[in-house]
Amino acid sequence: MNSYIFDVLTRIYLPVPMRNLLRKTTVEIDDDLIARVRVLLGTSSIKETIDEALREVERQEARRREVRALIEMDGLDLRDERVMSKTWRY
């Protein structure tokens, strides 16, 4: 089974092999922090909270890359005068 991640630089989805590898570990976690994050994320367990927080970090990085690509106009045709001359403008 594959999952996909969007590469904003190439603007394509790349397959990421999904392996059902779960790791059981023991860590010290701030109970108050977990409780606050659980409310923010709307999760109901410590495991679900940690999993969702990690997914949010991935989403945040994807957004950061997308913003960087837009700022740098990387991979966009906005600097191509032939493309822009055909666009509709107000």
PDB file of N, CA and C in Angstrom:
ATOM      1  N   MET A   1       0.847  -1.173   0.000  1.00  0.00           N
ATOM      2  CA  MET A   1       0.000   0.000   0.000  1.00  0.00           C
ATOM      3  C   MET A   1       0.893   1.236   0.000  1.00  0.00           C
ATOM      4  N   ASN A   2       0.577   2.193  -0.839  1.00  0.00           N
ATOM      5  CA  ASN A   2       1.353   3.427  -0.915  1.00  0.00           C
ATOM      6  C   ASN A   2       0.535   4.610  -0.442  1.00  0.00           C
ATOM      7  N   SER A   3       1.240   5.563   0.093  1.00  0.00           N
ATOM      8  CA  SER A   3       0.674   6.862   0.383  1.00  0.00           C
ATOM      9  C   SER A   3       1.403   7.818  -0.552  1.00  0.00           C
ATOM     10  N   TYR A   4       0.903   9.030  -0.675  1.00  0.00           N
ATOM     11  CA  TYR A   4       1.519   9.981  -1.589  1.00  0.00           C
ATOM     12  C   TYR A   4       1.765  11.297  -0.887  1.00  0.00           C
ATOM     13  N   ILE A   5       2.873  11.926  -1.241  1.00  0.00           N
ATOM     14  CA  ILE A   5       3.196  13.245  -0.723  1.00  0.00           C
ATOM     15  C   ILE A   5       3.366  14.170  -1.920  1.00  0.00           C
ATOM     16  N   PHE A   6       2.830  15.376  -1.810  1.00  0.00           N
ATOM     17  CA  PHE A   6       2.904  16.332  -2.907  1.00  0.00           C
ATOM     18  C   PHE A   6       4.222  17.085  -2.837  1.00  0.00           C
ATOM     19  N   ASP A   7       5.016  16.991  -3.875  1.00  0.00           N
ATOM     20  CA  ASP A   7       6.281  17.711  -3.959  1.00  0.00           C
ATOM     21  C   ASP A   7       6.008  19.030  -4.666  1.00  0.00           C
ATOM     22  N   VAL A   8       6.056  20.124  -3.912  1.00  0.00           N
ATOM     23  CA  VAL A   8       5.690  21.419  -4.487  1.00  0.00           C
ATOM     24  C   VAL A   8       6.730  21.918  -5.485  1.00  0.00           C
ATOM     25  N   LEU A   9       7.945  21.447  -5.385  1.00  0.00           N
ATOM     26  CA  LEU A   9       8.959  21.904  -6.329  1.00  0.00           C
ATOM     27  C   LEU A   9       8.733  21.315  -7.711  1.00  0.00           C
ATOM     28  N   THR A  10       8.365  20.034  -7.773  1.00  0.00           N
ATOM     29  CA  THR A  10       8.106  19.400  -9.065  1.00  0.00           C
ATOM     30  C   THR A  10       6.627  19.393  -9.403  1.00  0.00           C
ATOM     31  N   ARG A  11       5.788  19.734  -8.410  1.00  0.00           N
ATOM     32  CA  ARG A  11       4.338  19.774  -8.560  1.00  0.00           C
ATOM     33  C   ARG A  11       3.749  18.416  -8.945  1.00  0.00           C
ATOM     34  N   ILE A  12       4.329  17.352  -8.411  1.00  0.00           N
ATOM     35  CA  ILE A  12       3.781  16.020  -8.638  1.00  0.00           C
ATOM     36  C   ILE A  12       3.675  15.285  -7.300  1.00  0.00           C
ATOM     37  N   TYR A  13       2.802  14.297  -7.277  1.00  0.00           N
ATOM     38  CA  TYR A  13       2.676  13.454  -6.097  1.00  0.00           C
ATOM     39  C   TYR A  13       3.680  12.318  -6.203  1.00  0.00           C
ATOM     40  N   LEU A  14       4.425  12.118  -5.127  1.00  0.00           N
ATOM     41  CA  LEU A  14       5.421  11.067  -5.094  1.00  0.00           C
ATOM     42  C   LEU A  14       4.938   9.947  -4.185  1.00  0.00           C
ATOM     43  N   PRO A  15       5.075   8.698  -4.626  1.00  0.00           N
ATOM     44  CA  PRO A  15       4.645   7.595  -3.770  1.00  0.00           C
ATOM     45  C   PRO A  15       5.584   7.438  -2.582  1.00  0.00           C
ATOM     46  N   VAL A  16       4.993   7.171  -1.456  1.00  0.00           N
ATOM     47  CA  VAL A  16       5.754   6.899  -0.236  1.00  0.00           C
ATOM     48  C   VAL A  16       5.297   5.535   0.250  1.00  0.00           C
ATOM     49  N   PRO A  17       6.181   4.546   0.236  1.00  0.00           N
ATOM     50  CA  PRO A  17       5.761   3.207   0.667  1.00  0.00           C
ATOM     51  C   PRO A  17       5.272   3.248   2.110  1.00  0.00           C
ATOM     52  N   MET A  18       4.135   2.655   2.331  1.00  0.00           N
ATOM     53  CA  MET A  18       3.585   2.582   3.676  1.00  0.00           C
ATOM     54  C   MET A  18       3.803   1.180   4.212  1.00  0.00           C
ATOM     55  N   ARG A  19       4.472   1.119   5.304  1.00  0.00           N
ATOM     56  CA  ARG A  19       4.658  -0.149   5.982  1.00  0.00           C
ATOM     57  C   ARG A  19       3.976  -0.027   7.330  1.00  0.00           C
ATOM     58  N   ASN A  20       3.303  -1.028   7.704  1.00  0.00           N
ATOM     59  CA  ASN A  20       2.608  -0.996   8.975  1.00  0.00           C
ATOM     60  C   ASN A  20       3.581  -1.299  10.109  1.00  0.00           C
ATOM     61  N   LEU A  21       4.583  -0.453  10.229  1.00  0.00           N
ATOM     62  CA  LEU A  21       5.548  -0.602  11.295  1.00  0.00           C
ATOM     63  C   LEU A  21       5.158   0.322  12.429  1.00  0.00           C
ATOM     64  N   LEU A  22       4.756  -0.255  13.495  1.00  0.00           N
ATOM     65  CA  LEU A  22       4.456   0.524  14.682  1.00  0.00           C
ATOM     66  C   LEU A  22       5.553   0.264  15.689  1.00  0.00           C
ATOM     67  N   ARG A  23       5.922   1.290  16.366  1.00  0.00           N
ATOM     68  CA  ARG A  23       6.994   1.173  17.342  1.00  0.00           C
ATOM     69  C   ARG A  23       6.433   1.499  18.712  1.00  0.00           C
ATOM     70  N   LYS A  24       6.654   0.618  19.611  1.00  0.00           N
ATOM     71  CA  LYS A  24       6.224   0.854  20.975  1.00  0.00           C
ATOM     72  C   LYS A  24       7.430   1.379  21.738  1.00  0.00           C
ATOM     73  N   THR A  25       7.227   2.502  22.409  1.00  0.00           N
ATOM     74  CA  THR A  25       8.337   3.129  23.109  1.00  0.00           C
ATOM     75  C   THR A  25       7.824   3.788  24.380  1.00  0.00           C
ATOM     76  N   THR A  26       8.738   4.103  25.241  1.00  0.00           N
ATOM     77  CA  THR A  26       8.400   4.798  26.471  1.00  0.00           C
ATOM     78  C   THR A  26       9.088   6.145  26.461  1.00  0.00           C
ATOM     79  N   VAL A  27       8.304   7.205  26.630  1.00  0.00           N
ATOM     80  CA  VAL A  27       8.850   8.552  26.676  1.00  0.00           C
ATOM     81  C   VAL A  27       8.156   9.318  27.794  1.00  0.00           C
ATOM     82  N   GLU A  28       8.838  10.309  28.293  1.00  0.00           N
ATOM     83  CA  GLU A  28       8.226  11.195  29.274  1.00  0.00           C
ATOM     84  C   GLU A  28       7.550  12.327  28.513  1.00  0.00           C
ATOM     85  N   ILE A  29       6.267  12.541  28.800  1.00  0.00           N
ATOM     86  CA  ILE A  29       5.486  13.553  28.104  1.00  0.00           C
ATOM     87  C   ILE A  29       4.822  14.451  29.136  1.00  0.00           C
ATOM     88  N   ASP A  30       4.862  15.728  28.869  1.00  0.00           N
ATOM     89  CA  ASP A  30       4.212  16.717  29.730  1.00  0.00           C
ATOM     90  C   ASP A  30       2.697  16.528  29.631  1.00  0.00           C
ATOM     91  N   ASP A  31       2.061  16.099  30.716  1.00  0.00           N
ATOM     92  CA  ASP A  31       0.624  15.836  30.711  1.00  0.00           C
ATOM     93  C   ASP A  31      -0.196  17.080  30.376  1.00  0.00           C
ATOM     94  N   ASP A  32       0.209  18.223  30.888  1.00  0.00           N
ATOM     95  CA  ASP A  32      -0.522  19.457  30.588  1.00  0.00           C
ATOM     96  C   ASP A  32      -0.424  19.810  29.106  1.00  0.00           C
ATOM     97  N   LEU A  33       0.763  19.643  28.541  1.00  0.00           N
ATOM     98  CA  LEU A  33       0.946  19.924  27.116  1.00  0.00           C
ATOM     99  C   LEU A  33       0.089  18.989  26.275  1.00  0.00           C
ATOM    100  N   ILE A  34       0.101  17.704  26.592  1.00  0.00           N
ATOM    101  CA  ILE A  34      -0.726  16.744  25.858  1.00  0.00           C
ATOM    102  C   ILE A  34      -2.198  17.125  25.961  1.00  0.00           C
ATOM    103  N   ALA A  35      -2.635  17.516  27.136  1.00  0.00           N
ATOM    104  CA  ALA A  35      -4.038  17.895  27.332  1.00  0.00           C
ATOM    105  C   ALA A  35      -4.398  19.109  26.485  1.00  0.00           C
ATOM    106  N   ARG A  36      -3.520  20.109  26.451  1.00  0.00           N
ATOM    107  CA  ARG A  36      -3.791  21.306  25.648  1.00  0.00           C
ATOM    108  C   ARG A  36      -3.818  20.980  24.160  1.00  0.00           C
ATOM    109  N   VAL A  37      -2.864  20.194  23.716  1.00  0.00           N
ATOM    110  CA  VAL A  37      -2.786  19.828  22.298  1.00  0.00           C
ATOM    111  C   VAL A  37      -3.964  18.938  21.919  1.00  0.00           C
ATOM    112  N   ARG A  38      -4.374  18.063  22.817  1.00  0.00           N
ATOM    113  CA  ARG A  38      -5.536  17.201  22.562  1.00  0.00           C
ATOM    114  C   ARG A  38      -6.770  18.049  22.276  1.00  0.00           C
ATOM    115  N   VAL A  39      -6.959  19.108  23.041  1.00  0.00           N
ATOM    116  CA  VAL A  39      -8.098  20.008  22.819  1.00  0.00           C
ATOM    117  C   VAL A  39      -7.952  20.710  21.474  1.00  0.00           C
ATOM    118  N   LEU A  40      -6.762  21.212  21.186  1.00  0.00           N
ATOM    119  CA  LEU A  40      -6.543  21.925  19.924  1.00  0.00           C
ATOM    120  C   LEU A  40      -6.784  21.029  18.717  1.00  0.00           C
ATOM    121  N   LEU A  41      -6.353  19.777  18.805  1.00  0.00           N
ATOM    122  CA  LEU A  41      -6.470  18.865  17.672  1.00  0.00           C
ATOM    123  C   LEU A  41      -7.789  18.100  17.662  1.00  0.00           C
ATOM    124  N   GLY A  42      -8.510  18.137  18.766  1.00  0.00           N
ATOM    125  CA  GLY A  42      -9.767  17.402  18.842  1.00  0.00           C
ATOM    126  C   GLY A  42      -9.573  15.900  18.889  1.00  0.00           C
ATOM    127  N   THR A  43      -8.489  15.464  19.500  1.00  0.00           N
ATOM    128  CA  THR A  43      -8.199  14.033  19.590  1.00  0.00           C
ATOM    129  C   THR A  43      -8.645  13.506  20.945  1.00  0.00           C
ATOM    130  N   SER A  44      -8.680  12.180  21.055  1.00  0.00           N
ATOM    131  CA  SER A  44      -9.230  11.598  22.280  1.00  0.00           C
ATOM    132  C   SER A  44      -8.256  10.720  23.060  1.00  0.00           C
ATOM    133  N   SER A  45      -7.074  10.504  22.522  1.00  0.00           N
ATOM    134  CA  SER A  45      -6.102   9.674  23.241  1.00  0.00           C
ATOM    135  C   SER A  45      -4.700  10.250  23.044  1.00  0.00           C
ATOM    136  N   ILE A  46      -3.777   9.819  23.877  1.00  0.00           N
ATOM    137  CA  ILE A  46      -2.391  10.280  23.751  1.00  0.00           C
ATOM    138  C   ILE A  46      -1.822   9.846  22.407  1.00  0.00           C
ATOM    139  N   LYS A  47      -2.041   8.586  22.037  1.00  0.00           N
ATOM    140  CA  LYS A  47      -1.511   8.081  20.765  1.00  0.00           C
ATOM    141  C   LYS A  47      -2.077   8.877  19.595  1.00  0.00           C
ATOM    142  N   GLU A  48      -3.383   9.079  19.599  1.00  0.00           N
ATOM    143  CA  GLU A  48      -4.021   9.834  18.524  1.00  0.00           C
ATOM    144  C   GLU A  48      -3.494  11.274  18.487  1.00  0.00           C
ATOM    145  N   THR A  49      -3.273  11.864  19.652  1.00  0.00           N
ATOM    146  CA  THR A  49      -2.758  13.232  19.730  1.00  0.00           C
ATOM    147  C   THR A  49      -1.361  13.321  19.148  1.00  0.00           C
ATOM    148  N   ILE A  50      -0.503  12.395  19.512  1.00  0.00           N
ATOM    149  CA  ILE A  50       0.869  12.406  18.996  1.00  0.00           C
ATOM    150  C   ILE A  50       0.877  12.153  17.496  1.00  0.00           C
ATOM    151  N   ASP A  51       0.106  11.169  17.034  1.00  0.00           N
ATOM    152  CA  ASP A  51       0.043  10.882  15.592  1.00  0.00           C
ATOM    153  C   ASP A  51      -0.443  12.099  14.813  1.00  0.00           C
ATOM    154  N   GLU A  52      -1.498  12.733  15.294  1.00  0.00           N
ATOM    155  CA  GLU A  52      -2.047  13.897  14.589  1.00  0.00           C
ATOM    156  C   GLU A  52      -1.079  15.074  14.635  1.00  0.00           C
ATOM    157  N   ALA A  53      -0.389  15.251  15.760  1.00  0.00           N
ATOM    158  CA  ALA A  53       0.594  16.336  15.856  1.00  0.00           C
ATOM    159  C   ALA A  53       1.727  16.109  14.857  1.00  0.00           C
ATOM    160  N   LEU A  54       2.167  14.882  14.691  1.00  0.00           N
ATOM    161  CA  LEU A  54       3.218  14.584  13.707  1.00  0.00           C
ATOM    162  C   LEU A  54       2.714  14.832  12.287  1.00  0.00           C
ATOM    163  N   ARG A  55       1.468  14.445  12.018  1.00  0.00           N
ATOM    164  CA  ARG A  55       0.896  14.721  10.690  1.00  0.00           C
ATOM    165  C   ARG A  55       0.806  16.220  10.439  1.00  0.00           C
ATOM    166  N   GLU A  56       0.460  16.983  11.473  1.00  0.00           N
ATOM    167  CA  GLU A  56       0.367  18.436  11.334  1.00  0.00           C
ATOM    168  C   GLU A  56       1.728  19.038  11.007  1.00  0.00           C
ATOM    169  N   VAL A  57       2.794  18.499  11.586  1.00  0.00           N
ATOM    170  CA  VAL A  57       4.142  18.969  11.263  1.00  0.00           C
ATOM    171  C   VAL A  57       4.422  18.724   9.781  1.00  0.00           C
ATOM    172  N   GLU A  58       4.029  17.557   9.270  1.00  0.00           N
ATOM    173  CA  GLU A  58       4.209  17.275   7.842  1.00  0.00           C
ATOM    174  C   GLU A  58       3.416  18.254   6.982  1.00  0.00           C
ATOM    175  N   ARG A  59       2.167  18.504   7.359  1.00  0.00           N
ATOM    176  CA  ARG A  59       1.343  19.442   6.587  1.00  0.00           C
ATOM    177  C   ARG A  59       1.927  20.848   6.638  1.00  0.00           C
ATOM    178  N   GLN A  60       2.417  21.247   7.791  1.00  0.00           N
ATOM    179  CA  GLN A  60       3.010  22.580   7.933  1.00  0.00           C
ATOM    180  C   GLN A  60       4.232  22.723   7.032  1.00  0.00           C
ATOM    181  N   GLU A  61       5.048  21.688   6.962  1.00  0.00           N
ATOM    182  CA  GLU A  61       6.222  21.746   6.087  1.00  0.00           C
ATOM    183  C   GLU A  61       5.799  21.831   4.622  1.00  0.00           C
ATOM    184  N   ALA A  62       4.768  21.097   4.240  1.00  0.00           N
ATOM    185  CA  ALA A  62       4.269  21.161   2.861  1.00  0.00           C
ATOM    186  C   ALA A  62       3.770  22.571   2.544  1.00  0.00           C
ATOM    187  N   ARG A  63       3.064  23.197   3.505  1.00  0.00           N
ATOM    188  CA  ARG A  63       2.596  24.574   3.292  1.00  0.00           C
ATOM    189  C   ARG A  63       3.769  25.531   3.180  1.00  0.00           C
ATOM    190  N   ARG A  64       4.790  25.341   4.011  1.00  0.00           N
ATOM    191  CA  ARG A  64       5.967  26.209   3.970  1.00  0.00           C
ATOM    192  C   ARG A  64       6.660  26.089   2.610  1.00  0.00           C
ATOM    193  N   ARG A  65       6.772  24.880   2.085  1.00  0.00           N
ATOM    194  CA  ARG A  65       7.390  24.682   0.769  1.00  0.00           C
ATOM    195  C   ARG A  65       6.552  25.317  -0.335  1.00  0.00           C
ATOM    196  N   GLU A  66       5.234  25.199  -0.223  1.00  0.00           N
ATOM    197  CA  GLU A  66       4.360  25.788  -1.231  1.00  0.00           C
ATOM    198  C   GLU A  66       4.484  27.308  -1.234  1.00  0.00           C
ATOM    199  N   VAL A  67       4.503  27.914  -0.058  1.00  0.00           N
ATOM    200  CA  VAL A  67       4.656  29.367   0.040  1.00  0.00           C
ATOM    201  C   VAL A  67       6.002  29.789  -0.550  1.00  0.00           C
ATOM    202  N   ARG A  68       7.056  29.047  -0.214  1.00  0.00           N
ATOM    203  CA  ARG A  68       8.379  29.367  -0.757  1.00  0.00           C
ATOM    204  C   ARG A  68       8.375  29.283  -2.275  1.00  0.00           C
ATOM    205  N   ALA A  69       7.728  28.253  -2.823  1.00  0.00           N
ATOM    206  CA  ALA A  69       7.656  28.114  -4.282  1.00  0.00           C
ATOM    207  C   ALA A  69       6.880  29.275  -4.900  1.00  0.00           C
ATOM    208  N   LEU A  70       5.809  29.716  -4.237  1.00  0.00           N
ATOM    209  CA  LEU A  70       5.040  30.847  -4.759  1.00  0.00           C
ATOM    210  C   LEU A  70       5.840  32.145  -4.690  1.00  0.00           C
ATOM    211  N   ILE A  71       6.542  32.364  -3.581  1.00  0.00           N
ATOM    212  CA  ILE A  71       7.349  33.575  -3.434  1.00  0.00           C
ATOM    213  C   ILE A  71       8.440  33.625  -4.497  1.00  0.00           C
ATOM    214  N   GLU A  72       9.086  32.479  -4.711  1.00  0.00           N
ATOM    215  CA  GLU A  72      10.177  32.417  -5.686  1.00  0.00           C
ATOM    216  C   GLU A  72       9.656  32.178  -7.099  1.00  0.00           C
ATOM    217  N   MET A  73       8.334  31.984  -7.219  1.00  0.00           N
ATOM    218  CA  MET A  73       7.695  31.668  -8.494  1.00  0.00           C
ATOM    219  C   MET A  73       8.361  30.459  -9.147  1.00  0.00           C
ATOM    220  N   ASP A  74       8.817  29.554  -8.323  1.00  0.00           N
ATOM    221  CA  ASP A  74       9.505  28.359  -8.792  1.00  0.00           C
ATOM    222  C   ASP A  74       8.511  27.405  -9.459  1.00  0.00           C
ATOM    223  N   GLY A  75       8.785  27.051 -10.678  1.00  0.00           N
ATOM    224  CA  GLY A  75       7.930  26.135 -11.405  1.00  0.00           C
ATOM    225  C   GLY A  75       6.667  26.772 -11.964  1.00  0.00           C
ATOM    226  N   LEU A  76       6.541  28.079 -11.829  1.00  0.00           N
ATOM    227  CA  LEU A  76       5.361  28.772 -12.339  1.00  0.00           C
ATOM    228  C   LEU A  76       5.699  29.464 -13.658  1.00  0.00           C
ATOM    229  N   ASP A  77       4.679  29.679 -14.443  1.00  0.00           N
ATOM    230  CA  ASP A  77       4.865  30.337 -15.740  1.00  0.00           C
ATOM    231  C   ASP A  77       4.639  31.837 -15.656  1.00  0.00           C
ATOM    232  N   LEU A  78       4.585  32.383 -14.462  1.00  0.00           N
ATOM    233  CA  LEU A  78       4.248  33.803 -14.308  1.00  0.00           C
ATOM    234  C   LEU A  78       5.319  34.736 -14.871  1.00  0.00           C
ATOM    235  N   ARG A  79       6.516  34.244 -15.020  1.00  0.00           N
ATOM    236  CA  ARG A  79       7.583  35.074 -15.599  1.00  0.00           C
ATOM    237  C   ARG A  79       7.677  34.917 -17.120  1.00  0.00           C
ATOM    238  N   ASP A  80       6.917  33.984 -17.662  1.00  0.00           N
ATOM    239  CA  ASP A  80       6.946  33.722 -19.098  1.00  0.00           C
ATOM    240  C   ASP A  80       6.001  34.702 -19.791  1.00  0.00           C
ATOM    241  N   GLU A  81       6.557  35.640 -20.536  1.00  0.00           N
ATOM    242  CA  GLU A  81       5.750  36.675 -21.178  1.00  0.00           C
ATOM    243  C   GLU A  81       4.739  36.097 -22.160  1.00  0.00           C
ATOM    244  N   ARG A  82       5.068  34.995 -22.812  1.00  0.00           N
ATOM    245  CA  ARG A  82       4.122  34.368 -23.749  1.00  0.00           C
ATOM    246  C   ARG A  82       2.893  33.862 -23.011  1.00  0.00           C
ATOM    247  N   VAL A  83       3.089  33.302 -21.858  1.00  0.00           N
ATOM    248  CA  VAL A  83       1.965  32.802 -21.065  1.00  0.00           C
ATOM    249  C   VAL A  83       1.162  33.968 -20.509  1.00  0.00           C
ATOM    250  N   MET A  84       1.846  34.922 -19.933  1.00  0.00           N
ATOM    251  CA  MET A  84       1.164  36.035 -19.279  1.00  0.00           C
ATOM    252  C   MET A  84       0.440  36.944 -20.271  1.00  0.00           C
ATOM    253  N   SER A  85       0.888  37.011 -21.514  1.00  0.00           N
ATOM    254  CA  SER A  85       0.223  37.865 -22.498  1.00  0.00           C
ATOM    255  C   SER A  85      -1.158  37.320 -22.860  1.00  0.00           C
ATOM    256  N   LYS A  86      -1.416  36.053 -22.582  1.00  0.00           N
ATOM    257  CA  LYS A  86      -2.700  35.435 -22.906  1.00  0.00           C
ATOM    258  C   LYS A  86      -3.648  35.381 -21.709  1.00  0.00           C
ATOM    259  N   THR A  87      -3.226  35.917 -20.591  1.00  0.00           N
ATOM    260  CA  THR A  87      -4.080  35.844 -19.401  1.00  0.00           C
ATOM    261  C   THR A  87      -5.103  36.950 -19.409  1.00  0.00           C
ATOM    262  N   TRP A  88      -6.202  36.671 -18.783  1.00  0.00           N
ATOM    263  CA  TRP A  88      -7.258  37.673 -18.653  1.00  0.00           C
ATOM    264  C   TRP A  88      -6.942  38.558 -17.467  1.00  0.00           C
ATOM    265  N   ARG A  89      -7.056  39.828 -17.610  1.00  0.00           N
ATOM    266  CA  ARG A  89      -6.762  40.768 -16.537  1.00  0.00           C
ATOM    267  C   ARG A  89      -7.907  41.743 -16.387  1.00  0.00           C
ATOM    268  N   TYR A  90      -8.054  42.312 -15.216  1.00  0.00           N
ATOM    269  CA  TYR A  90      -9.104  43.292 -14.947  1.00  0.00           C
ATOM    270  C   TYR A  90      -8.811  44.576 -15.668  1.00  0.00           C
TER     271      TYR A  90
END
